Amino acid sequence: MAHPLPLSTAEENYLKAIYALAHPRVSTNALADRVQTKASSATDMIQRLSEKNLVDYEKYRGVALTAEGLFLATSIVRRHRLWEVFLSEKLGFPWGAIHVLAEELEHIKSQELIDRLDAYLEFPTHDPHGDPIPQADGSIPETRRTLLDRMEAGQRFKIVGVIDQSDFLLDFLSENGLLLDSEWILDRIILFDGSCVLLSLSGLPSVTISALAARHIYAQNI
């Protein structure tokens, strides 16, 4: 499915923002906050996307993606996350740098390039932050994970994603070896403040993280 009219970078950014916020409908104010603009500007863009049959908008009820809009939004997300894998795995960019670069690269629309990129990367299912990469047909790979703060002491796990992609969190995780697919034991939870003491299964030093950090890390039992 491909839209007959080319989309501008701004239009693609709005589709991606609606996709990220969908519950399933998104208020104009929430969308404006997401793309860092005024509500009036967001309303103008929504009307443009509605004329292209990419969104369904109802006053006071917000906006939702149509089937075609959803397909295009997942295509943009797919391009973004594939570029993140490439930047991280093949060019060695650090965790905290790849998102901004991928924001620029995601607007390259050559389907042949994206297909070749996917094959070159050996068809990854998740990006370097642990988020699933939509497939070419728009489907989303299943992800079985839980937040670290919901695990119990004694459980073995591997890190499979993060919620917060800020430099502060990603730098902290990188400095302490808390990278994707690294394996740990939740040794104990400190009752005073909920901090978690983690023991590495690969010989790294133990790490103590705050309850706040644990609420932003996705883990999977091993």
Protein backbone atom coordinates (compact mmCIF):
# COMPACT_ATOMS: atom_id res chain seq x y z
CA MET A 1 0.00 0.00 0.00
CA ALA A 2 1.53 3.31 -1.05
CA HIS A 3 -0.07 6.75 -0.98
CA PRO A 4 -0.26 8.32 -4.47
CA LEU A 5 0.77 11.76 -3.20
CA PRO A 6 4.24 12.34 -1.76
CA LEU A 7 4.31 13.29 1.90
CA SER A 8 6.41 16.10 3.30
CA THR A 9 8.81 15.55 6.18
CA ALA A 10 6.41 17.45 8.45
CA GLU A 11 3.48 15.24 7.42
CA GLU A 12 5.50 12.12 8.11
CA ASN A 13 6.50 13.45 11.52
CA TYR A 14 2.86 14.04 12.41
CA LEU A 15 1.84 10.54 11.33
CA LYS A 16 4.62 9.08 13.46
CA ALA A 17 3.62 11.25 16.42
CA ILE A 18 -0.02 10.14 16.20
CA TYR A 19 1.15 6.54 15.99
CA ALA A 20 3.28 6.98 19.12
CA LEU A 21 0.46 8.62 21.10
CA ALA A 22 -2.55 6.62 19.90
CA HIS A 23 -4.92 5.46 22.67
CA PRO A 24 -6.59 5.06 20.11
CA ARG A 25 -7.45 8.76 19.61
CA VAL A 26 -5.08 11.66 20.24
CA SER A 27 -6.04 15.15 21.40
CA THR A 28 -4.85 18.14 19.42
CA ASN A 29 -3.01 19.52 22.44
CA ALA A 30 -1.18 16.24 23.08
CA LEU A 31 -0.15 16.08 19.43
CA ALA A 32 1.02 19.69 19.47
CA ASP A 33 3.13 18.97 22.56
CA ARG A 34 4.63 15.92 20.89
CA VAL A 35 5.78 17.81 17.79
CA GLN A 36 6.56 20.97 19.78
CA THR A 37 4.23 23.39 18.04
CA LYS A 38 1.05 25.38 18.71
CA ALA A 39 -2.35 23.68 18.82
CA SER A 40 -3.52 25.81 15.89
CA SER A 41 -0.63 24.57 13.75
CA ALA A 42 -1.39 20.97 14.72
CA THR A 43 -5.04 21.51 13.72
CA ASP A 44 -3.98 22.82 10.30
CA MET A 45 -1.80 19.75 9.73
CA ILE A 46 -4.56 17.39 10.88
CA GLN A 47 -6.87 18.92 8.29
CA ARG A 48 -4.25 18.39 5.57
CA LEU A 49 -3.81 14.76 6.56
CA SER A 50 -7.56 14.29 6.74
CA GLU A 51 -7.91 15.55 3.16
CA LYS A 52 -5.46 12.81 2.15
CA ASN A 53 -7.54 10.22 4.04
CA LEU A 54 -4.65 9.47 6.41
CA VAL A 55 -6.39 10.49 9.63
CA ASP A 56 -9.89 10.56 11.01
CA TYR A 57 -10.57 13.78 12.90
CA GLU A 58 -13.59 14.70 15.01
CA LYS A 59 -13.78 17.97 16.90
CA TYR A 60 -13.53 17.41 20.67
CA ARG A 61 -12.73 13.70 20.10
CA GLY A 62 -9.27 14.07 18.66
CA VAL A 63 -7.56 12.33 15.78
CA ALA A 64 -6.87 8.71 14.85
CA LEU A 65 -4.98 7.12 11.96
CA THR A 66 -6.96 5.56 9.14
CA ALA A 67 -5.87 2.15 7.87
CA GLU A 68 -3.76 3.84 5.20
CA GLY A 69 -2.34 6.33 7.70
CA LEU A 70 -1.43 3.51 10.07
CA PHE A 71 0.39 1.63 7.32
CA LEU A 72 2.38 4.73 6.38
CA ALA A 73 3.17 5.51 10.02
CA THR A 74 4.48 2.00 10.67
CA SER A 75 6.56 2.27 7.48
CA ILE A 76 8.20 5.43 8.83
CA VAL A 77 8.84 3.78 12.19
CA ARG A 78 10.26 0.75 10.35
CA ARG A 79 12.70 2.93 8.42
CA HIS A 80 13.72 4.77 11.58
CA ARG A 81 14.44 1.63 13.59
CA LEU A 82 16.31 -0.11 10.79
CA TRP A 83 18.57 2.94 10.46
CA GLU A 84 19.15 2.84 14.22
CA VAL A 85 20.33 -0.77 13.92
CA PHE A 86 22.65 0.17 11.05
CA LEU A 87 24.10 3.18 12.86
CA SER A 88 24.70 1.20 16.03
CA GLU A 89 25.86 -2.18 14.72
CA LYS A 90 27.66 -1.23 11.51
CA LEU A 91 28.95 2.29 12.16
CA GLY A 92 29.50 2.04 15.89
CA PHE A 93 27.50 5.07 16.96
CA PRO A 94 26.68 5.06 20.69
CA TRP A 95 23.18 4.41 22.02
CA GLY A 96 22.47 8.06 22.73
CA ALA A 97 23.43 9.35 19.26
CA ILE A 98 21.51 7.09 16.93
CA HIS A 99 17.98 8.41 17.50
CA VAL A 100 18.67 11.93 16.24
CA LEU A 101 20.53 10.65 13.17
CA ALA A 102 17.76 8.16 12.39
CA GLU A 103 15.25 11.03 12.59
CA GLU A 104 16.91 12.44 9.49
CA LEU A 105 17.44 9.16 7.65
CA GLU A 106 13.87 7.91 8.16
CA HIS A 107 12.61 10.33 5.51
CA ILE A 108 14.54 8.59 2.71
CA LYS A 109 11.67 6.90 0.92
CA SER A 110 13.39 4.45 -1.46
CA GLN A 111 11.71 1.11 -0.78
CA GLU A 112 14.50 -0.73 -2.56
CA LEU A 113 17.05 0.89 -0.24
CA ILE A 114 15.06 -0.08 2.87
CA ASP A 115 14.59 -3.65 1.62
CA ARG A 116 18.32 -3.98 0.96
CA LEU A 117 19.13 -2.42 4.33
CA ASP A 118 16.84 -4.93 6.06
CA ALA A 119 18.53 -7.84 4.26
CA TYR A 120 22.02 -6.46 4.93
CA LEU A 121 21.20 -6.30 8.65
CA GLU A 122 19.89 -9.90 8.45
CA PHE A 123 16.29 -8.92 9.14
CA PRO A 124 16.48 -7.61 12.73
CA THR A 125 13.28 -7.73 14.80
CA HIS A 126 14.22 -5.06 17.38
CA ASP A 127 16.16 -1.81 17.35
CA PRO A 128 19.09 -1.00 19.69
CA HIS A 129 16.67 0.35 22.31
CA GLY A 130 14.69 -2.90 22.31
CA ASP A 131 11.68 -1.58 20.41
CA PRO A 132 10.13 -3.94 17.82
CA ILE A 133 10.74 -3.13 14.16
CA PRO A 134 7.53 -3.22 12.10
CA GLN A 135 7.73 -5.70 9.25
CA ALA A 136 7.23 -4.72 5.62
CA ASP A 137 3.55 -5.72 5.83
CA GLY A 138 3.00 -3.51 8.88
CA SER A 139 2.89 -6.31 11.43
CA ILE A 140 4.75 -5.91 14.73
CA PRO A 141 6.98 -8.71 16.11
CA GLU A 142 5.80 -10.06 19.46
CA THR A 143 7.85 -8.90 22.41
CA ARG A 144 7.70 -10.65 25.78
CA ARG A 145 9.13 -8.34 28.41
CA THR A 146 8.44 -6.72 31.76
CA LEU A 147 9.75 -3.70 33.58
CA LEU A 148 12.68 -4.43 35.86
CA ASP A 149 10.95 -2.91 38.89
CA ARG A 150 8.26 -5.60 38.63
CA MET A 151 10.71 -8.48 38.98
CA GLU A 152 11.51 -10.27 42.22
CA ALA A 153 14.83 -10.76 43.96
CA GLY A 154 16.67 -13.85 42.72
CA GLN A 155 15.37 -13.70 39.16
CA ARG A 156 17.78 -13.99 36.24
CA PHE A 157 17.09 -11.73 33.30
CA LYS A 158 18.50 -10.04 30.26
CA ILE A 159 17.94 -6.42 29.31
CA VAL A 160 15.72 -6.16 26.24
CA GLY A 161 14.80 -2.48 26.06
CA VAL A 162 14.41 0.92 27.66
CA ILE A 163 11.49 3.32 27.93
CA ASP A 164 13.45 6.53 28.42
CA GLN A 165 15.89 7.17 25.57
CA SER A 166 17.45 10.29 27.11
CA ASP A 167 21.21 10.68 27.09
CA PHE A 168 21.24 10.64 30.89
CA LEU A 169 19.79 7.13 31.16
CA LEU A 170 21.57 5.67 28.14
CA ASP A 171 24.96 7.03 29.26
CA PHE A 172 24.43 5.59 32.75
CA LEU A 173 23.48 2.18 31.37
CA SER A 174 26.42 2.12 28.95
CA GLU A 175 28.92 3.12 31.63
CA ASN A 176 27.76 0.23 33.83
CA GLY A 177 27.54 -2.46 31.14
CA LEU A 178 23.74 -2.51 31.25
CA LEU A 179 23.41 -3.03 27.50
CA LEU A 180 20.85 -4.86 25.41
CA ASP A 181 21.06 -8.65 25.83
CA SER A 182 23.43 -8.37 28.82
CA GLU A 183 22.47 -10.90 31.50
CA TRP A 184 22.03 -10.22 35.22
CA ILE A 185 20.59 -11.48 38.48
CA LEU A 186 18.38 -9.20 40.56
CA ASP A 187 20.31 -9.93 43.74
CA ARG A 188 18.21 -7.89 46.13
CA ILE A 189 15.87 -4.93 46.42
CA ILE A 190 16.78 -2.37 49.06
CA LEU A 191 13.68 -1.81 51.17
CA PHE A 192 14.56 1.76 52.12
CA ASP A 193 14.16 3.23 48.62
CA GLY A 194 13.49 0.34 46.23
CA SER A 195 16.96 0.42 44.67
CA CYS A 196 17.99 -2.78 42.87
CA VAL A 197 21.33 -4.52 43.29
CA LEU A 198 22.28 -6.34 40.10
CA LEU A 199 24.89 -9.07 39.71
CA SER A 200 26.36 -9.64 36.26
CA LEU A 201 26.33 -13.14 34.75
CA SER A 202 29.35 -12.23 32.60
CA GLY A 203 31.77 -11.10 35.31
CA LEU A 204 31.11 -7.37 35.29
CA PRO A 205 31.07 -5.48 38.61
CA SER A 206 27.78 -5.42 40.49
CA VAL A 207 25.56 -2.39 39.88
CA THR A 208 23.03 -0.65 42.11
CA ILE A 209 20.31 1.27 40.27
CA SER A 210 17.53 3.45 41.59
CA ALA A 211 13.88 2.46 41.61
CA LEU A 212 13.32 5.20 39.02
CA ALA A 213 15.88 3.67 36.65
CA ALA A 214 14.37 0.21 37.16
CA ARG A 215 11.00 1.59 36.03
CA HIS A 216 12.58 2.52 32.68
CA ILE A 217 14.33 -0.79 31.86
CA TYR A 218 12.64 -3.70 30.11
CA ALA A 219 13.79 -7.16 31.16
CA GLN A 220 13.07 -10.73 30.11
CA ASN A 221 13.44 -13.83 32.30
CA ILE A 222 16.17 -16.27 31.31
